[in-house]
Amino acid sequence: MSGPSTYNPKSGIERWLDQRLPLPRLMHDTISTFPTPRNLNIWYTFGGILTFCLGVQIVTGVVLAMHYVANANLAFDSVEAIMRDVNYGWLIRYMHAAALGPDVLLGRHGHHQPLQRHPGDRQPHRHLAVGRLRGG
């Protein structure tokens, strides 16, 4: 807090609680009267969630890749070994799968990602199309 609190308890219960445990004062000062920039809104929360999910995907993906066997005959057995023999392998695999849900729902994948990176650029990327036409 940058100064004295502006919270005034209205009822006797709030005054009693504020004297013993200033939880209503804390809630008032941090949620109601905390100064925030005008451009900061709820959509920034989704960016934080997506960044956390990306971190979980990277870390669990690396751990799973260390134990996975990329062979058509042994792939199922390697996944089964991850689930049964690796310590907390079942948890790592399910965390990897669960972290993908918010990524898909909140739009990190697909065509939304370039729009988030370059919000003013709405033209198609012609250099990609020209490269494909030339065989590059």
C-alpha atoms as a PDB file:
ATOM      1  CA  MET A   1       0.000   0.000   0.000  1.00  0.00           C
ATOM      2  CA  SER A   2       1.201   3.473  -0.721  1.00  0.00           C
ATOM      3  CA  GLY A   3      -0.623   5.253   2.103  1.00  0.00           C
ATOM      4  CA  PRO A   4      -3.059   4.811   4.941  1.00  0.00           C
ATOM      5  CA  SER A   5      -6.073   2.607   4.369  1.00  0.00           C
ATOM      6  CA  THR A   6      -9.384   4.176   3.379  1.00  0.00           C
ATOM      7  CA  TYR A   7     -11.420   1.229   4.661  1.00  0.00           C
ATOM      8  CA  ASN A   8     -14.163   2.048   7.173  1.00  0.00           C
ATOM      9  CA  PRO A   9     -16.013  -0.949   8.674  1.00  0.00           C
ATOM     10  CA  LYS A  10     -19.769  -0.457   8.499  1.00  0.00           C
ATOM     11  CA  SER A  11     -21.139  -3.077  10.881  1.00  0.00           C
ATOM     12  CA  GLY A  12     -20.140  -4.283  14.312  1.00  0.00           C
ATOM     13  CA  ILE A  13     -19.024  -7.656  12.961  1.00  0.00           C
ATOM     14  CA  GLU A  14     -16.767  -5.963  10.397  1.00  0.00           C
ATOM     15  CA  ARG A  15     -15.232  -3.746  13.122  1.00  0.00           C
ATOM     16  CA  TRP A  16     -14.685  -6.775  15.373  1.00  0.00           C
ATOM     17  CA  LEU A  17     -13.107  -8.765  12.526  1.00  0.00           C
ATOM     18  CA  ASP A  18     -10.989  -5.785  11.405  1.00  0.00           C
ATOM     19  CA  GLN A  19      -9.535  -5.395  14.896  1.00  0.00           C
ATOM     20  CA  ARG A  20      -8.579  -9.067  15.184  1.00  0.00           C
ATOM     21  CA  LEU A  21      -7.870 -10.089  11.584  1.00  0.00           C
ATOM     22  CA  PRO A  22      -7.814  -7.229   9.071  1.00  0.00           C
ATOM     23  CA  LEU A  23      -8.909  -9.427   6.181  1.00  0.00           C
ATOM     24  CA  PRO A  24     -11.730  -7.112   4.968  1.00  0.00           C
ATOM     25  CA  ARG A  25      -9.272  -4.185   5.049  1.00  0.00           C
ATOM     26  CA  LEU A  26      -6.764  -6.198   3.001  1.00  0.00           C
ATOM     27  CA  MET A  27      -9.426  -7.158   0.460  1.00  0.00           C
ATOM     28  CA  HIS A  28     -10.625  -3.559   0.169  1.00  0.00           C
ATOM     29  CA  ASP A  29      -7.137  -2.128  -0.231  1.00  0.00           C
ATOM     30  CA  THR A  30      -5.914  -4.705  -2.765  1.00  0.00           C
ATOM     31  CA  ILE A  31      -9.037  -5.252  -4.865  1.00  0.00           C
ATOM     32  CA  SER A  32     -11.208  -2.146  -4.627  1.00  0.00           C
ATOM     33  CA  THR A  33      -8.825   0.778  -4.294  1.00  0.00           C
ATOM     34  CA  PHE A  34      -5.499  -0.505  -5.654  1.00  0.00           C
ATOM     35  CA  PRO A  35      -4.405   1.777  -8.514  1.00  0.00           C
ATOM     36  CA  THR A  36      -3.997  -0.088 -11.789  1.00  0.00           C
ATOM     37  CA  PRO A  37      -3.226   1.182 -15.303  1.00  0.00           C
ATOM     38  CA  ARG A  38      -6.215   1.861 -17.530  1.00  0.00           C
ATOM     39  CA  ASN A  39      -5.123  -0.541 -20.244  1.00  0.00           C
ATOM     40  CA  LEU A  40      -4.699  -3.463 -17.835  1.00  0.00           C
ATOM     41  CA  ASN A  41      -7.755  -5.677 -18.117  1.00  0.00           C
ATOM     42  CA  ILE A  42      -8.889  -9.269 -17.653  1.00  0.00           C
ATOM     43  CA  TRP A  43      -7.390 -10.421 -20.959  1.00  0.00           C
ATOM     44  CA  TYR A  44      -3.887 -10.152 -19.482  1.00  0.00           C
ATOM     45  CA  THR A  45      -4.856 -12.977 -17.138  1.00  0.00           C
ATOM     46  CA  PHE A  46      -5.351 -15.301 -20.082  1.00  0.00           C
ATOM     47  CA  GLY A  47      -1.868 -14.480 -21.342  1.00  0.00           C
ATOM     48  CA  GLY A  48      -0.443 -15.517 -17.977  1.00  0.00           C
ATOM     49  CA  ILE A  49      -2.444 -18.740 -18.034  1.00  0.00           C
ATOM     50  CA  LEU A  50      -1.218 -19.532 -21.544  1.00  0.00           C
ATOM     51  CA  THR A  51       2.385 -18.820 -20.609  1.00  0.00           C
ATOM     52  CA  PHE A  52       2.127 -21.137 -17.611  1.00  0.00           C
ATOM     53  CA  CYS A  53       0.564 -23.864 -19.778  1.00  0.00           C
ATOM     54  CA  LEU A  54       3.325 -23.467 -22.360  1.00  0.00           C
ATOM     55  CA  GLY A  55       5.939 -23.877 -19.633  1.00  0.00           C
ATOM     56  CA  VAL A  56       4.220 -27.026 -18.351  1.00  0.00           C
ATOM     57  CA  GLN A  57       4.028 -28.390 -21.910  1.00  0.00           C
ATOM     58  CA  ILE A  58       7.741 -27.792 -22.506  1.00  0.00           C
ATOM     59  CA  VAL A  59       8.945 -29.267 -19.206  1.00  0.00           C
ATOM     60  CA  THR A  60       6.691 -32.335 -19.266  1.00  0.00           C
ATOM     61  CA  GLY A  61       7.319 -32.835 -22.987  1.00  0.00           C
ATOM     62  CA  VAL A  62      11.073 -32.981 -22.439  1.00  0.00           C
ATOM     63  CA  VAL A  63      10.660 -35.472 -19.600  1.00  0.00           C
ATOM     64  CA  LEU A  64       8.306 -37.641 -21.657  1.00  0.00           C
ATOM     65  CA  ALA A  65      10.621 -37.493 -24.695  1.00  0.00           C
ATOM     66  CA  MET A  66      13.466 -38.873 -22.583  1.00  0.00           C
ATOM     67  CA  HIS A  67      11.472 -42.062 -21.957  1.00  0.00           C
ATOM     68  CA  TYR A  68       9.560 -42.437 -25.233  1.00  0.00           C
ATOM     69  CA  VAL A  69      10.676 -44.862 -27.951  1.00  0.00           C
ATOM     70  CA  ALA A  70       9.845 -43.670 -31.471  1.00  0.00           C
ATOM     71  CA  ASN A  71       9.403 -47.069 -33.058  1.00  0.00           C
ATOM     72  CA  ALA A  72       6.098 -48.349 -34.427  1.00  0.00           C
ATOM     73  CA  ASN A  73       6.516 -51.699 -32.687  1.00  0.00           C
ATOM     74  CA  LEU A  74       7.691 -50.307 -29.335  1.00  0.00           C
ATOM     75  CA  ALA A  75       5.745 -47.030 -28.995  1.00  0.00           C
ATOM     76  CA  PHE A  76       2.815 -48.454 -27.044  1.00  0.00           C
ATOM     77  CA  ASP A  77       5.136 -50.380 -24.767  1.00  0.00           C
ATOM     78  CA  SER A  78       7.157 -47.234 -24.057  1.00  0.00           C
ATOM     79  CA  VAL A  79       4.005 -45.294 -23.120  1.00  0.00           C
ATOM     80  CA  GLU A  80       2.949 -48.167 -20.916  1.00  0.00           C
ATOM     81  CA  ALA A  81       6.397 -48.162 -19.295  1.00  0.00           C
ATOM     82  CA  ILE A  82       6.140 -44.413 -18.689  1.00  0.00           C
ATOM     83  CA  MET A  83       2.798 -44.916 -16.986  1.00  0.00           C
ATOM     84  CA  ARG A  84       3.918 -47.865 -14.826  1.00  0.00           C
ATOM     85  CA  ASP A  85       7.683 -47.817 -14.305  1.00  0.00           C
ATOM     86  CA  VAL A  86       8.755 -44.161 -14.346  1.00  0.00           C
ATOM     87  CA  ASN A  87       8.353 -42.421 -10.997  1.00  0.00           C
ATOM     88  CA  TYR A  88       5.248 -40.236 -11.289  1.00  0.00           C
ATOM     89  CA  GLY A  89       5.186 -40.938 -15.033  1.00  0.00           C
ATOM     90  CA  TRP A  90       1.401 -41.141 -14.973  1.00  0.00           C
ATOM     91  CA  LEU A  91       1.256 -37.666 -13.418  1.00  0.00           C
ATOM     92  CA  ILE A  92       3.718 -36.204 -15.925  1.00  0.00           C
ATOM     93  CA  ARG A  93       1.759 -37.648 -18.842  1.00  0.00           C
ATOM     94  CA  TYR A  94      -1.585 -36.381 -17.557  1.00  0.00           C
ATOM     95  CA  MET A  95      -0.140 -32.945 -16.754  1.00  0.00           C
ATOM     96  CA  HIS A  96       1.181 -32.788 -20.319  1.00  0.00           C
ATOM     97  CA  ALA A  97      -2.254 -33.653 -21.666  1.00  0.00           C
ATOM     98  CA  ALA A  98      -4.129 -31.301 -19.326  1.00  0.00           C
ATOM     99  CA  ALA A  99      -1.920 -28.308 -20.157  1.00  0.00           C
ATOM    100  CA  LEU A 100      -2.973 -28.541 -23.787  1.00  0.00           C
ATOM    101  CA  GLY A 101      -6.649 -27.817 -23.044  1.00  0.00           C
ATOM    102  CA  PRO A 102      -6.328 -24.127 -22.140  1.00  0.00           C
ATOM    103  CA  ASP A 103      -3.910 -23.623 -25.039  1.00  0.00           C
ATOM    104  CA  VAL A 104      -6.517 -24.870 -27.494  1.00  0.00           C
ATOM    105  CA  LEU A 105      -9.474 -23.148 -25.828  1.00  0.00           C
ATOM    106  CA  LEU A 106      -7.781 -19.780 -25.390  1.00  0.00           C
ATOM    107  CA  GLY A 107      -6.304 -19.749 -28.876  1.00  0.00           C
ATOM    108  CA  ARG A 108      -2.537 -20.074 -28.739  1.00  0.00           C
ATOM    109  CA  HIS A 109      -2.584 -22.653 -31.528  1.00  0.00           C
ATOM    110  CA  GLY A 110      -3.631 -22.152 -35.107  1.00  0.00           C
ATOM    111  CA  HIS A 111      -4.161 -18.837 -36.803  1.00  0.00           C
ATOM    112  CA  HIS A 112      -4.675 -16.785 -33.624  1.00  0.00           C
ATOM    113  CA  GLN A 113      -1.019 -16.780 -32.614  1.00  0.00           C
ATOM    114  CA  PRO A 114       0.266 -14.521 -35.446  1.00  0.00           C
ATOM    115  CA  LEU A 115      -2.600 -12.114 -34.755  1.00  0.00           C
ATOM    116  CA  GLN A 116      -1.582 -11.887 -31.118  1.00  0.00           C
ATOM    117  CA  ARG A 117       2.055 -11.281 -31.986  1.00  0.00           C
ATOM    118  CA  HIS A 118       1.370  -8.655 -34.642  1.00  0.00           C
ATOM    119  CA  PRO A 119      -2.037  -7.113 -33.904  1.00  0.00           C
ATOM    120  CA  GLY A 120      -1.711  -4.318 -36.484  1.00  0.00           C
ATOM    121  CA  ASP A 121      -0.647  -6.634 -39.318  1.00  0.00           C
ATOM    122  CA  ARG A 122      -3.764  -8.052 -40.946  1.00  0.00           C
ATOM    123  CA  GLN A 123      -2.285  -8.745 -44.386  1.00  0.00           C
ATOM    124  CA  PRO A 124      -1.510 -12.346 -45.332  1.00  0.00           C
ATOM    125  CA  HIS A 125       2.152 -13.251 -45.211  1.00  0.00           C
ATOM    126  CA  ARG A 126       2.968 -13.164 -48.928  1.00  0.00           C
ATOM    127  CA  HIS A 127       6.588 -14.192 -48.530  1.00  0.00           C
ATOM    128  CA  LEU A 128       5.419 -17.581 -47.230  1.00  0.00           C
ATOM    129  CA  ALA A 129       3.110 -18.114 -50.200  1.00  0.00           C
ATOM    130  CA  VAL A 130       5.761 -16.997 -52.724  1.00  0.00           C
ATOM    131  CA  GLY A 131       8.304 -19.347 -51.126  1.00  0.00           C
ATOM    132  CA  ARG A 132       5.915 -22.261 -51.474  1.00  0.00           C
ATOM    133  CA  LEU A 133       5.185 -21.422 -55.099  1.00  0.00           C
ATOM    134  CA  ARG A 134       8.901 -21.402 -55.927  1.00  0.00           C
ATOM    135  CA  GLY A 135       9.329 -24.732 -54.209  1.00  0.00           C
ATOM    136  CA  GLY A 136      11.186 -23.312 -51.187  1.00  0.00           C
END
